[in-house]
Amino acid sequence: MVPSDVFRDQPALIGDRVRLEPLDERTGEHLVPVLTDLDPDVRRLTGTHTTFTERQVRDWARSRPSHADRADWVILRNEDGRCVGDCALIDLDADNGGVDYRIALNDMSLTGNGYGTEATDLVLEYAFTVAGLHRVALQVFDFNTGAQRSYARSGFVREGVWRDHLYWDGEWHDAVLMSILAHEYADLRAARSR
């Protein structure tokens, strides 16, 4: 359905409030202080049990351009260039035109400002109109209701639940599965342009 190296020439994506720069050795420097001292609330929202060293983050960022089956971006705020997070299209299923989406903002003070929603909208525009994908899916933990609302604003539809998918602080949590299809995105885009 799509080439297995569809993300080889990954562009920067520019919106009104944020710009998404492809993740590489240079842009990855923005993530070193974030990922080596990950905000506890962000750690919980993303289900990140792993702790990272500076070397791991730098090596990971340096390796991203060679992975043409995924697209990783650093999210920078237009007004001051501050890194507000990162996002990615991962787990490409080229035969079926599908991919998974993930996003993380750096700290809780950045949520509720529209940065995540705009970044998601930019990624969806790229995924459907440039990469030619058919489906973008994600999972979000049941307690992250703010993210679920943000994803719904971007057109994602709830389609199921993985029960007891995350074990955090002695409790099990479900993962809510959401997706958006190319024709749904086209309808949403047309409605927004009216």
C-alpha atoms as a PDB file:
ATOM      1  CA  MET A   1       0.000   0.000   0.000  1.00  0.00           C
ATOM      2  CA  VAL A   2       2.848   2.426   0.882  1.00  0.00           C
ATOM      3  CA  PRO A   3       6.614   2.021   0.435  1.00  0.00           C
ATOM      4  CA  SER A   4       8.409   0.510   3.427  1.00  0.00           C
ATOM      5  CA  ASP A   5      10.739   3.540   3.422  1.00  0.00           C
ATOM      6  CA  VAL A   6       7.906   6.101   3.170  1.00  0.00           C
ATOM      7  CA  PHE A   7       9.469   8.260   5.903  1.00  0.00           C
ATOM      8  CA  ARG A   8      12.955   8.454   4.331  1.00  0.00           C
ATOM      9  CA  ASP A   9      12.664  12.165   3.419  1.00  0.00           C
ATOM     10  CA  GLN A  10      10.867  13.319   6.525  1.00  0.00           C
ATOM     11  CA  PRO A  11      10.102  17.072   6.414  1.00  0.00           C
ATOM     12  CA  ALA A  12       9.785  19.694   9.115  1.00  0.00           C
ATOM     13  CA  LEU A  13       6.106  20.412   9.797  1.00  0.00           C
ATOM     14  CA  ILE A  14       5.195  24.012  10.612  1.00  0.00           C
ATOM     15  CA  GLY A  15       2.041  25.231  12.320  1.00  0.00           C
ATOM     16  CA  ASP A  16       0.866  28.480  13.871  1.00  0.00           C
ATOM     17  CA  ARG A  17       2.175  27.698  17.369  1.00  0.00           C
ATOM     18  CA  VAL A  18       4.640  24.837  16.959  1.00  0.00           C
ATOM     19  CA  ARG A  19       7.033  23.420  14.426  1.00  0.00           C
ATOM     20  CA  LEU A  20       8.061  19.790  14.263  1.00  0.00           C
ATOM     21  CA  GLU A  21      11.703  19.250  13.385  1.00  0.00           C
ATOM     22  CA  PRO A  22      12.857  15.769  12.336  1.00  0.00           C
ATOM     23  CA  LEU A  23      14.694  14.074  15.177  1.00  0.00           C
ATOM     24  CA  ASP A  24      18.412  13.679  14.586  1.00  0.00           C
ATOM     25  CA  GLU A  25      21.665  14.258  16.448  1.00  0.00           C
ATOM     26  CA  ARG A  26      21.232  18.060  16.416  1.00  0.00           C
ATOM     27  CA  THR A  27      17.543  18.310  17.369  1.00  0.00           C
ATOM     28  CA  GLY A  28      17.895  15.413  19.804  1.00  0.00           C
ATOM     29  CA  GLU A  29      19.945  17.663  22.088  1.00  0.00           C
ATOM     30  CA  HIS A  30      16.629  19.266  23.085  1.00  0.00           C
ATOM     31  CA  LEU A  31      15.509  15.921  24.517  1.00  0.00           C
ATOM     32  CA  VAL A  32      18.630  15.064  26.544  1.00  0.00           C
ATOM     33  CA  PRO A  33      17.659  17.054  29.672  1.00  0.00           C
ATOM     34  CA  VAL A  34      14.001  16.039  29.300  1.00  0.00           C
ATOM     35  CA  LEU A  35      14.446  12.289  28.954  1.00  0.00           C
ATOM     36  CA  THR A  36      17.275  11.936  31.475  1.00  0.00           C
ATOM     37  CA  ASP A  37      15.179  13.677  34.146  1.00  0.00           C
ATOM     38  CA  LEU A  38      11.669  12.815  32.984  1.00  0.00           C
ATOM     39  CA  ASP A  39       8.858  14.628  34.775  1.00  0.00           C
ATOM     40  CA  PRO A  40       7.107  12.065  37.048  1.00  0.00           C
ATOM     41  CA  ASP A  41       3.678  13.007  35.697  1.00  0.00           C
ATOM     42  CA  VAL A  42       4.862  12.629  32.096  1.00  0.00           C
ATOM     43  CA  ARG A  43       6.448   9.300  33.033  1.00  0.00           C
ATOM     44  CA  ARG A  44       3.060   8.110  34.348  1.00  0.00           C
ATOM     45  CA  LEU A  45       1.029   9.460  31.391  1.00  0.00           C
ATOM     46  CA  THR A  46       3.320   7.717  28.911  1.00  0.00           C
ATOM     47  CA  GLY A  47       3.753   4.572  31.008  1.00  0.00           C
ATOM     48  CA  THR A  48       7.539   4.973  30.888  1.00  0.00           C
ATOM     49  CA  HIS A  49       9.185   2.665  33.424  1.00  0.00           C
ATOM     50  CA  THR A  50      12.641   3.012  31.830  1.00  0.00           C
ATOM     51  CA  THR A  51      15.182   5.601  32.930  1.00  0.00           C
ATOM     52  CA  PHE A  52      17.560   6.941  30.280  1.00  0.00           C
ATOM     53  CA  THR A  53      21.187   8.068  30.336  1.00  0.00           C
ATOM     54  CA  GLU A  54      22.504  10.978  28.281  1.00  0.00           C
ATOM     55  CA  ARG A  55      24.415   8.551  26.082  1.00  0.00           C
ATOM     56  CA  GLN A  56      21.281   6.466  25.407  1.00  0.00           C
ATOM     57  CA  VAL A  57      19.278   9.540  24.415  1.00  0.00           C
ATOM     58  CA  ARG A  58      22.037  10.867  22.160  1.00  0.00           C
ATOM     59  CA  ASP A  59      22.617   7.478  20.512  1.00  0.00           C
ATOM     60  CA  TRP A  60      18.871   7.036  19.974  1.00  0.00           C
ATOM     61  CA  ALA A  61      18.486  10.530  18.440  1.00  0.00           C
ATOM     62  CA  ARG A  62      21.531  10.005  16.216  1.00  0.00           C
ATOM     63  CA  SER A  63      20.041   6.752  14.875  1.00  0.00           C
ATOM     64  CA  ARG A  64      16.608   8.154  13.913  1.00  0.00           C
ATOM     65  CA  PRO A  65      17.419   9.360  10.365  1.00  0.00           C
ATOM     66  CA  SER A  66      18.439   5.814   9.375  1.00  0.00           C
ATOM     67  CA  HIS A  67      14.978   4.442  10.272  1.00  0.00           C
ATOM     68  CA  ALA A  68      12.903   5.215   7.171  1.00  0.00           C
ATOM     69  CA  ASP A  69      10.029   3.044   8.453  1.00  0.00           C
ATOM     70  CA  ARG A  70       9.191   5.584  11.172  1.00  0.00           C
ATOM     71  CA  ALA A  71       9.079   9.354  11.551  1.00  0.00           C
ATOM     72  CA  ASP A  72      10.236  11.100  14.739  1.00  0.00           C
ATOM     73  CA  TRP A  73       9.972  14.811  15.471  1.00  0.00           C
ATOM     74  CA  VAL A  74      10.966  17.219  18.214  1.00  0.00           C
ATOM     75  CA  ILE A  75       8.147  19.708  18.960  1.00  0.00           C
ATOM     76  CA  LEU A  76       9.418  23.292  19.237  1.00  0.00           C
ATOM     77  CA  ARG A  77       7.321  26.287  20.238  1.00  0.00           C
ATOM     78  CA  ASN A  78       7.389  28.950  17.514  1.00  0.00           C
ATOM     79  CA  GLU A  79       7.426  31.937  19.861  1.00  0.00           C
ATOM     80  CA  ASP A  80      10.737  31.094  21.538  1.00  0.00           C
ATOM     81  CA  GLY A  81      12.080  27.805  20.141  1.00  0.00           C
ATOM     82  CA  ARG A  82      11.484  26.001  23.439  1.00  0.00           C
ATOM     83  CA  CYS A  83      11.226  22.239  23.102  1.00  0.00           C
ATOM     84  CA  VAL A  84       7.778  21.255  24.345  1.00  0.00           C
ATOM     85  CA  GLY A  85       7.942  17.551  23.514  1.00  0.00           C
ATOM     86  CA  ASP A  86       8.333  14.929  20.839  1.00  0.00           C
ATOM     87  CA  CYS A  87       6.081  12.809  18.663  1.00  0.00           C
ATOM     88  CA  ALA A  88       6.410   9.955  16.202  1.00  0.00           C
ATOM     89  CA  LEU A  89       4.735   7.730  13.661  1.00  0.00           C
ATOM     90  CA  ILE A  90       5.919   4.211  14.526  1.00  0.00           C
ATOM     91  CA  ASP A  91       5.314   0.548  13.758  1.00  0.00           C
ATOM     92  CA  LEU A  92       4.619   1.088  10.065  1.00  0.00           C
ATOM     93  CA  ASP A  93       2.493  -1.613   8.425  1.00  0.00           C
ATOM     94  CA  ALA A  94       3.333  -0.741   4.820  1.00  0.00           C
ATOM     95  CA  ASP A  95       1.182  -3.514   3.327  1.00  0.00           C
ATOM     96  CA  ASN A  96      -1.943  -2.155   4.994  1.00  0.00           C
ATOM     97  CA  GLY A  97      -1.074   1.566   5.059  1.00  0.00           C
ATOM     98  CA  GLY A  98      -1.208   1.764   8.834  1.00  0.00           C
ATOM     99  CA  VAL A  99       0.965   3.296  11.512  1.00  0.00           C
ATOM    100  CA  ASP A 100       0.849   4.008  15.236  1.00  0.00           C
ATOM    101  CA  TYR A 101       1.206   7.479  16.728  1.00  0.00           C
ATOM    102  CA  ARG A 102       2.777   8.588  19.986  1.00  0.00           C
ATOM    103  CA  ILE A 103       3.322  12.016  21.519  1.00  0.00           C
ATOM    104  CA  ALA A 104       4.708  13.288  24.804  1.00  0.00           C
ATOM    105  CA  LEU A 105       4.864  16.831  26.143  1.00  0.00           C
ATOM    106  CA  ASN A 106       7.796  17.609  28.435  1.00  0.00           C
ATOM    107  CA  ASP A 107       5.936  18.668  31.557  1.00  0.00           C
ATOM    108  CA  MET A 108       2.427  19.204  32.832  1.00  0.00           C
ATOM    109  CA  SER A 109       2.640  23.011  32.548  1.00  0.00           C
ATOM    110  CA  LEU A 110       2.574  22.545  28.764  1.00  0.00           C
ATOM    111  CA  THR A 111      -0.691  20.624  28.666  1.00  0.00           C
ATOM    112  CA  GLY A 112      -3.912  22.463  27.913  1.00  0.00           C
ATOM    113  CA  ASN A 113      -2.179  25.036  25.705  1.00  0.00           C
ATOM    114  CA  GLY A 114      -2.982  23.391  22.372  1.00  0.00           C
ATOM    115  CA  TYR A 115       0.604  22.397  21.553  1.00  0.00           C
ATOM    116  CA  GLY A 116      -0.151  18.678  21.524  1.00  0.00           C
ATOM    117  CA  THR A 117      -3.307  19.060  19.468  1.00  0.00           C
ATOM    118  CA  GLU A 118      -1.571  21.224  16.867  1.00  0.00           C
ATOM    119  CA  ALA A 119       1.383  18.813  16.683  1.00  0.00           C
ATOM    120  CA  THR A 120      -1.038  15.912  16.207  1.00  0.00           C
ATOM    121  CA  ASP A 121      -2.910  17.802  13.493  1.00  0.00           C
ATOM    122  CA  LEU A 122       0.360  18.505  11.658  1.00  0.00           C
ATOM    123  CA  VAL A 123       1.368  14.848  11.839  1.00  0.00           C
ATOM    124  CA  LEU A 124      -2.028  13.695  10.571  1.00  0.00           C
ATOM    125  CA  GLU A 125      -1.851  16.125   7.648  1.00  0.00           C
ATOM    126  CA  TYR A 126       1.522  14.662   6.733  1.00  0.00           C
ATOM    127  CA  ALA A 127       0.449  11.049   7.311  1.00  0.00           C
ATOM    128  CA  PHE A 128      -2.614  11.234   5.078  1.00  0.00           C
ATOM    129  CA  THR A 129      -1.796  13.837   2.422  1.00  0.00           C
ATOM    130  CA  VAL A 130       1.947  13.271   1.947  1.00  0.00           C
ATOM    131  CA  ALA A 131       2.737   9.726   3.126  1.00  0.00           C
ATOM    132  CA  GLY A 132      -0.554   8.364   1.763  1.00  0.00           C
ATOM    133  CA  LEU A 133      -1.424   6.274   4.796  1.00  0.00           C
ATOM    134  CA  HIS A 134      -4.849   4.712   5.340  1.00  0.00           C
ATOM    135  CA  ARG A 135      -4.939   4.466   9.157  1.00  0.00           C
ATOM    136  CA  VAL A 136      -3.245   6.106  12.129  1.00  0.00           C
ATOM    137  CA  ALA A 137      -3.835   4.476  15.519  1.00  0.00           C
ATOM    138  CA  LEU A 138      -2.793   5.156  19.092  1.00  0.00           C
ATOM    139  CA  GLN A 139      -3.248   3.986  22.625  1.00  0.00           C
ATOM    140  CA  VAL A 140      -3.780   6.235  25.621  1.00  0.00           C
ATOM    141  CA  PHE A 141      -4.173   5.195  29.246  1.00  0.00           C
ATOM    142  CA  ASP A 142      -7.652   5.376  30.738  1.00  0.00           C
ATOM    143  CA  PHE A 143      -6.680   7.997  33.339  1.00  0.00           C
ATOM    144  CA  ASN A 144      -5.374  10.423  30.679  1.00  0.00           C
ATOM    145  CA  THR A 145      -8.738  11.947  29.834  1.00  0.00           C
ATOM    146  CA  GLY A 146      -7.235  15.253  28.670  1.00  0.00           C
ATOM    147  CA  ALA A 147      -5.252  13.467  25.968  1.00  0.00           C
ATOM    148  CA  GLN A 148      -8.331  11.490  24.940  1.00  0.00           C
ATOM    149  CA  ARG A 149     -10.232  14.761  24.416  1.00  0.00           C
ATOM    150  CA  SER A 150      -7.313  16.223  22.444  1.00  0.00           C
ATOM    151  CA  TYR A 151      -7.131  13.155  20.192  1.00  0.00           C
ATOM    152  CA  ALA A 152     -10.899  13.317  19.610  1.00  0.00           C
ATOM    153  CA  ARG A 153     -10.554  16.981  18.519  1.00  0.00           C
ATOM    154  CA  SER A 154      -8.011  15.792  15.956  1.00  0.00           C
ATOM    155  CA  GLY A 155     -10.506  13.219  14.647  1.00  0.00           C
ATOM    156  CA  PHE A 156      -9.464  10.038  16.466  1.00  0.00           C
ATOM    157  CA  VAL A 157     -12.315   7.649  17.275  1.00  0.00           C
ATOM    158  CA  ARG A 158     -12.342   5.328  20.277  1.00  0.00           C
ATOM    159  CA  GLU A 159     -12.400   1.743  19.036  1.00  0.00           C
ATOM    160  CA  GLY A 160     -11.640  -0.460  22.013  1.00  0.00           C
ATOM    161  CA  VAL A 161      -9.727  -1.144  25.189  1.00  0.00           C
ATOM    162  CA  TRP A 162      -6.771  -3.278  26.154  1.00  0.00           C
ATOM    163  CA  ARG A 163      -7.675  -4.244  29.693  1.00  0.00           C
ATOM    164  CA  ASP A 164      -5.072  -4.021  32.471  1.00  0.00           C
ATOM    165  CA  HIS A 165      -2.386  -2.956  30.004  1.00  0.00           C
ATOM    166  CA  LEU A 166      -0.293  -0.799  32.370  1.00  0.00           C
ATOM    167  CA  TYR A 167       0.800  -1.595  35.915  1.00  0.00           C
ATOM    168  CA  TRP A 168       1.615   1.658  37.700  1.00  0.00           C
ATOM    169  CA  ASP A 169       2.053   2.354  41.417  1.00  0.00           C
ATOM    170  CA  GLY A 170       0.394  -0.900  42.417  1.00  0.00           C
ATOM    171  CA  GLU A 171      -2.633  -0.537  40.138  1.00  0.00           C
ATOM    172  CA  TRP A 172      -3.669  -1.858  36.747  1.00  0.00           C
ATOM    173  CA  HIS A 173      -4.886   0.567  34.067  1.00  0.00           C
ATOM    174  CA  ASP A 174      -6.580   0.024  30.715  1.00  0.00           C
ATOM    175  CA  ALA A 175      -5.246   1.361  27.435  1.00  0.00           C
ATOM    176  CA  VAL A 176      -7.879   3.050  25.284  1.00  0.00           C
ATOM    177  CA  LEU A 177      -7.409   2.352  21.570  1.00  0.00           C
ATOM    178  CA  MET A 178      -8.209   5.127  19.106  1.00  0.00           C
ATOM    179  CA  SER A 179      -7.716   5.553  15.373  1.00  0.00           C
ATOM    180  CA  ILE A 180      -8.493   7.774  12.432  1.00  0.00           C
ATOM    181  CA  LEU A 181      -8.899   6.641   8.821  1.00  0.00           C
ATOM    182  CA  ALA A 182      -7.930   8.559   5.689  1.00  0.00           C
ATOM    183  CA  HIS A 183     -11.529   9.247   4.633  1.00  0.00           C
ATOM    184  CA  GLU A 184     -12.419  10.455   8.148  1.00  0.00           C
ATOM    185  CA  TYR A 185      -9.458  12.807   8.061  1.00  0.00           C
ATOM    186  CA  ALA A 186     -10.474  14.111   4.625  1.00  0.00           C
ATOM    187  CA  ASP A 187     -14.019  14.786   5.886  1.00  0.00           C
ATOM    188  CA  LEU A 188     -12.705  16.585   8.990  1.00  0.00           C
ATOM    189  CA  ARG A 189     -10.278  18.654   6.900  1.00  0.00           C
ATOM    190  CA  ALA A 190     -13.067  19.648   4.501  1.00  0.00           C
ATOM    191  CA  ALA A 191     -15.359  20.629   7.392  1.00  0.00           C
ATOM    192  CA  ARG A 192     -12.631  22.765   8.971  1.00  0.00           C
ATOM    193  CA  SER A 193     -11.978  24.638   5.725  1.00  0.00           C
ATOM    194  CA  ARG A 194     -15.611  25.799   5.427  1.00  0.00           C
END
